[in-house]
Amino acid sequence: MKKIRIYTIALPLIILAGCTSINVRPVSKIHNISHVCIENNPKVIVANFTTTIADVFQNHGITTKMYNAPVPNICEYKLTYTALRSWDLTPYLSHAELRLFKRNKKIGYAEYHITGGSMSLSLKKWASVKKKMTPVINKLLAQYKK
C-alpha cells in the first residue's frame, strides 16, 4: 500500500517537473577562434535557431557565416547542427546538438534535450529558442570573451 502511495505522489511530480538535459564539451581557448562557418541544415525547421547561434557566437567575439554543404575549404572552423521540435499545443524546441570542427576534427560539442516531452507540464518547454540555447552555447564557448 505504501508503494502505491509513493508512486501516486511521485509520478505526477516527475511529469510536472519536466527535466532538461545539457551536455557540453567546451571548446579550448588554444584554438583562438575568430570566425566560424555554419553549415546550413535544411532539415531543421526551428524558428530563430541559426540566428540565435550567430548572435551568441558574436557575443563571444566570434563572427559567423552560413554556407550550404559542403562548407568551403577556406573555413578553418565549421559548426554543424541539428534541432528537433515537438508539439504540445504549439511547437517547441525539444532537442538540439552543435558540433564544432577544426577542419575535420571535432573540438567542441553541445547538446540540449528536454526529457518528458509532451508528458511534461512544465512551462519551460515553451521558452524561446534564445532562452534555451544561449546558456548551452555560452558553456560551449566558456573560454572565449563575452
C-alpha atoms as a PDB file:
ATOM      1  CA  MET A   1       0.000   0.000   0.000  1.00  0.00           C
ATOM      2  CA  LYS A   2       2.857   2.381   0.838  1.00  0.00           C
ATOM      3  CA  LYS A   3       4.448   1.742  -2.569  1.00  0.00           C
ATOM      4  CA  ILE A   4       1.239   2.673  -4.343  1.00  0.00           C
ATOM      5  CA  ARG A   5       1.035   5.936  -2.380  1.00  0.00           C
ATOM      6  CA  ILE A   6       4.643   6.784  -3.197  1.00  0.00           C
ATOM      7  CA  TYR A   7       4.078   6.143  -6.907  1.00  0.00           C
ATOM      8  CA  THR A   8       0.819   8.075  -6.801  1.00  0.00           C
ATOM      9  CA  ILE A   9       2.652  11.088  -5.395  1.00  0.00           C
ATOM     10  CA  ALA A  10       5.958  10.726  -7.259  1.00  0.00           C
ATOM     11  CA  LEU A  11       4.671  10.162 -10.783  1.00  0.00           C
ATOM     12  CA  PRO A  12       2.735  13.429 -11.102  1.00  0.00           C
ATOM     13  CA  LEU A  13       5.699  15.326  -9.650  1.00  0.00           C
ATOM     14  CA  ILE A  14       8.030  13.804 -12.228  1.00  0.00           C
ATOM     15  CA  ILE A  15       5.606  14.625 -15.024  1.00  0.00           C
ATOM     16  CA  LEU A  16       5.161  18.187 -13.777  1.00  0.00           C
ATOM     17  CA  ALA A  17       8.858  18.783 -13.293  1.00  0.00           C
ATOM     18  CA  GLY A  18       9.997  18.071 -16.830  1.00  0.00           C
ATOM     19  CA  CYS A  19      13.746  17.864 -16.966  1.00  0.00           C
ATOM     20  CA  THR A  20      16.247  19.488 -19.244  1.00  0.00           C
ATOM     21  CA  SER A  21      19.486  17.730 -20.026  1.00  0.00           C
ATOM     22  CA  ILE A  22      22.519  19.732 -21.161  1.00  0.00           C
ATOM     23  CA  ASN A  23      25.733  18.003 -22.195  1.00  0.00           C
ATOM     24  CA  VAL A  24      28.667  20.192 -23.264  1.00  0.00           C
ATOM     25  CA  ARG A  25      32.268  19.565 -24.211  1.00  0.00           C
ATOM     26  CA  PRO A  26      33.631  23.153 -24.281  1.00  0.00           C
ATOM     27  CA  VAL A  27      35.999  24.460 -26.927  1.00  0.00           C
ATOM     28  CA  SER A  28      39.532  25.077 -25.681  1.00  0.00           C
ATOM     29  CA  LYS A  29      40.937  28.608 -25.837  1.00  0.00           C
ATOM     30  CA  ILE A  30      44.051  27.243 -27.586  1.00  0.00           C
ATOM     31  CA  HIS A  31      42.135  27.275 -30.868  1.00  0.00           C
ATOM     32  CA  ASN A  32      41.888  31.090 -30.810  1.00  0.00           C
ATOM     33  CA  ILE A  33      38.720  31.052 -32.935  1.00  0.00           C
ATOM     34  CA  SER A  34      37.691  34.336 -34.541  1.00  0.00           C
ATOM     35  CA  HIS A  35      35.366  33.085 -37.309  1.00  0.00           C
ATOM     36  CA  VAL A  36      33.149  30.013 -37.756  1.00  0.00           C
ATOM     37  CA  CYS A  37      31.415  28.798 -40.899  1.00  0.00           C
ATOM     38  CA  ILE A  38      27.989  27.370 -40.104  1.00  0.00           C
ATOM     39  CA  GLU A  39      26.865  24.532 -42.358  1.00  0.00           C
ATOM     40  CA  ASN A  40      23.194  25.068 -43.159  1.00  0.00           C
ATOM     41  CA  ASN A  41      20.979  22.124 -42.238  1.00  0.00           C
ATOM     42  CA  PRO A  42      17.839  22.433 -44.387  1.00  0.00           C
ATOM     43  CA  LYS A  43      16.097  19.716 -42.345  1.00  0.00           C
ATOM     44  CA  VAL A  44      15.973  21.988 -39.290  1.00  0.00           C
ATOM     45  CA  ILE A  45      12.706  23.917 -39.160  1.00  0.00           C
ATOM     46  CA  VAL A  46      13.076  25.540 -35.748  1.00  0.00           C
ATOM     47  CA  ALA A  47      12.472  29.287 -35.993  1.00  0.00           C
ATOM     48  CA  ASN A  48      15.346  31.574 -34.910  1.00  0.00           C
ATOM     49  CA  PHE A  49      17.723  28.662 -34.326  1.00  0.00           C
ATOM     50  CA  THR A  50      20.616  29.770 -36.546  1.00  0.00           C
ATOM     51  CA  THR A  51      20.057  33.433 -35.682  1.00  0.00           C
ATOM     52  CA  THR A  52      20.454  32.575 -32.004  1.00  0.00           C
ATOM     53  CA  ILE A  53      23.647  30.627 -32.712  1.00  0.00           C
ATOM     54  CA  ALA A  54      25.140  33.527 -34.681  1.00  0.00           C
ATOM     55  CA  ASP A  55      24.151  36.087 -32.018  1.00  0.00           C
ATOM     56  CA  VAL A  56      25.678  34.136 -29.127  1.00  0.00           C
ATOM     57  CA  PHE A  57      28.888  33.431 -31.076  1.00  0.00           C
ATOM     58  CA  GLN A  58      29.086  37.182 -31.810  1.00  0.00           C
ATOM     59  CA  ASN A  59      28.705  37.886 -28.075  1.00  0.00           C
ATOM     60  CA  HIS A  60      31.843  35.779 -27.589  1.00  0.00           C
ATOM     61  CA  GLY A  61      33.770  37.740 -30.226  1.00  0.00           C
ATOM     62  CA  ILE A  62      33.370  35.101 -32.950  1.00  0.00           C
ATOM     63  CA  THR A  63      31.903  36.034 -36.325  1.00  0.00           C
ATOM     64  CA  THR A  64      29.876  33.518 -38.334  1.00  0.00           C
ATOM     65  CA  LYS A  65      28.700  32.969 -41.878  1.00  0.00           C
ATOM     66  CA  MET A  66      26.158  30.445 -43.166  1.00  0.00           C
ATOM     67  CA  TYR A  67      27.070  28.116 -46.029  1.00  0.00           C
ATOM     68  CA  ASN A  68      25.272  25.317 -47.789  1.00  0.00           C
ATOM     69  CA  ALA A  69      27.119  21.990 -47.659  1.00  0.00           C
ATOM     70  CA  PRO A  70      29.877  21.465 -48.345  1.00  0.00           C
ATOM     71  CA  VAL A  71      31.451  24.325 -46.447  1.00  0.00           C
ATOM     72  CA  PRO A  72      34.303  25.887 -48.496  1.00  0.00           C
ATOM     73  CA  ASN A  73      37.871  24.781 -47.763  1.00  0.00           C
ATOM     74  CA  ILE A  74      38.724  28.318 -46.673  1.00  0.00           C
ATOM     75  CA  CYS A  75      36.755  27.656 -43.490  1.00  0.00           C
ATOM     76  CA  GLU A  76      39.138  26.551 -40.757  1.00  0.00           C
ATOM     77  CA  TYR A  77      36.297  26.161 -38.238  1.00  0.00           C
ATOM     78  CA  LYS A  78      32.921  24.663 -39.096  1.00  0.00           C
ATOM     79  CA  LEU A  79      29.777  24.282 -36.996  1.00  0.00           C
ATOM     80  CA  THR A  80      27.166  21.653 -37.799  1.00  0.00           C
ATOM     81  CA  TYR A  81      23.850  21.448 -36.001  1.00  0.00           C
ATOM     82  CA  THR A  82      20.616  19.597 -35.703  1.00  0.00           C
ATOM     83  CA  ALA A  83      17.472  20.676 -33.915  1.00  0.00           C
ATOM     84  CA  LEU A  84      14.145  18.970 -33.383  1.00  0.00           C
ATOM     85  CA  ARG A  85      10.849  20.413 -32.412  1.00  0.00           C
ATOM     86  CA  SER A  86       7.991  18.669 -30.690  1.00  0.00           C
ATOM     87  CA  TRP A  87       4.347  19.584 -30.439  1.00  0.00           C
ATOM     88  CA  ASP A  88       2.157  20.183 -27.417  1.00  0.00           C
ATOM     89  CA  LEU A  89      -0.467  22.774 -28.351  1.00  0.00           C
ATOM     90  CA  THR A  90       2.330  24.698 -30.109  1.00  0.00           C
ATOM     91  CA  PRO A  91       5.761  23.623 -31.361  1.00  0.00           C
ATOM     92  CA  TYR A  92       8.772  23.900 -29.059  1.00  0.00           C
ATOM     93  CA  LEU A  93      12.485  23.088 -29.266  1.00  0.00           C
ATOM     94  CA  SER A  94      12.923  19.640 -27.722  1.00  0.00           C
ATOM     95  CA  HIS A  95      16.433  18.628 -28.813  1.00  0.00           C
ATOM     96  CA  ALA A  96      19.486  20.308 -30.325  1.00  0.00           C
ATOM     97  CA  GLU A  97      23.091  19.362 -30.992  1.00  0.00           C
ATOM     98  CA  LEU A  98      26.010  21.543 -32.045  1.00  0.00           C
ATOM     99  CA  ARG A  99      29.337  20.150 -33.259  1.00  0.00           C
ATOM    100  CA  LEU A 100      32.328  22.416 -33.802  1.00  0.00           C
ATOM    101  CA  PHE A 101      35.182  21.211 -36.000  1.00  0.00           C
ATOM    102  CA  LYS A 102      38.664  22.441 -36.820  1.00  0.00           C
ATOM    103  CA  ARG A 103      38.956  21.132 -40.364  1.00  0.00           C
ATOM    104  CA  ASN A 104      37.589  17.599 -39.816  1.00  0.00           C
ATOM    105  CA  LYS A 105      38.471  17.166 -36.149  1.00  0.00           C
ATOM    106  CA  LYS A 106      35.688  17.713 -33.601  1.00  0.00           C
ATOM    107  CA  ILE A 107      36.832  20.245 -30.987  1.00  0.00           C
ATOM    108  CA  GLY A 108      33.551  21.007 -29.236  1.00  0.00           C
ATOM    109  CA  TYR A 109      30.098  19.576 -28.663  1.00  0.00           C
ATOM    110  CA  ALA A 110      26.888  20.822 -27.076  1.00  0.00           C
ATOM    111  CA  GLU A 111      23.551  19.078 -26.614  1.00  0.00           C
ATOM    112  CA  TYR A 112      20.215  20.294 -25.267  1.00  0.00           C
ATOM    113  CA  HIS A 113      17.376  17.875 -24.591  1.00  0.00           C
ATOM    114  CA  ILE A 114      14.011  18.097 -22.867  1.00  0.00           C
ATOM    115  CA  THR A 115      13.023  14.872 -21.167  1.00  0.00           C
ATOM    116  CA  GLY A 116       9.395  14.072 -20.608  1.00  0.00           C
ATOM    117  CA  GLY A 117       8.277  15.612 -23.890  1.00  0.00           C
ATOM    118  CA  SER A 118       4.567  16.266 -24.169  1.00  0.00           C
ATOM    119  CA  MET A 119       4.030  14.462 -20.842  1.00  0.00           C
ATOM    120  CA  SER A 120       5.787  17.334 -19.100  1.00  0.00           C
ATOM    121  CA  LEU A 121       3.510  20.081 -17.856  1.00  0.00           C
ATOM    122  CA  SER A 122       6.452  22.403 -17.239  1.00  0.00           C
ATOM    123  CA  LEU A 123       6.001  25.743 -18.976  1.00  0.00           C
ATOM    124  CA  LYS A 124       9.770  25.898 -19.586  1.00  0.00           C
ATOM    125  CA  LYS A 125       9.403  23.683 -22.638  1.00  0.00           C
ATOM    126  CA  TRP A 126       7.752  26.612 -24.438  1.00  0.00           C
ATOM    127  CA  ALA A 127      10.589  29.015 -23.659  1.00  0.00           C
ATOM    128  CA  SER A 128      12.136  30.691 -26.678  1.00  0.00           C
ATOM    129  CA  VAL A 129      14.988  29.128 -28.621  1.00  0.00           C
ATOM    130  CA  LYS A 130      17.148  32.014 -27.409  1.00  0.00           C
ATOM    131  CA  LYS A 131      16.365  31.263 -23.744  1.00  0.00           C
ATOM    132  CA  LYS A 132      17.089  27.574 -24.206  1.00  0.00           C
ATOM    133  CA  MET A 133      20.180  27.724 -26.409  1.00  0.00           C
ATOM    134  CA  THR A 134      22.046  30.778 -25.078  1.00  0.00           C
ATOM    135  CA  PRO A 135      23.204  29.027 -21.868  1.00  0.00           C
ATOM    136  CA  VAL A 136      24.204  25.940 -23.878  1.00  0.00           C
ATOM    137  CA  ILE A 137      26.286  27.937 -26.368  1.00  0.00           C
ATOM    138  CA  ASN A 138      27.763  30.024 -23.539  1.00  0.00           C
ATOM    139  CA  LYS A 139      29.031  26.779 -21.975  1.00  0.00           C
ATOM    140  CA  LEU A 140      30.423  25.638 -25.327  1.00  0.00           C
ATOM    141  CA  LEU A 141      32.327  28.924 -25.692  1.00  0.00           C
ATOM    142  CA  ALA A 142      33.043  29.492 -21.992  1.00  0.00           C
ATOM    143  CA  GLN A 143      36.750  30.143 -22.602  1.00  0.00           C
ATOM    144  CA  TYR A 144      36.041  32.911 -25.112  1.00  0.00           C
ATOM    145  CA  LYS A 145      35.401  36.522 -24.102  1.00  0.00           C
ATOM    146  CA  LYS A 146      31.909  37.825 -23.580  1.00  0.00           C
END
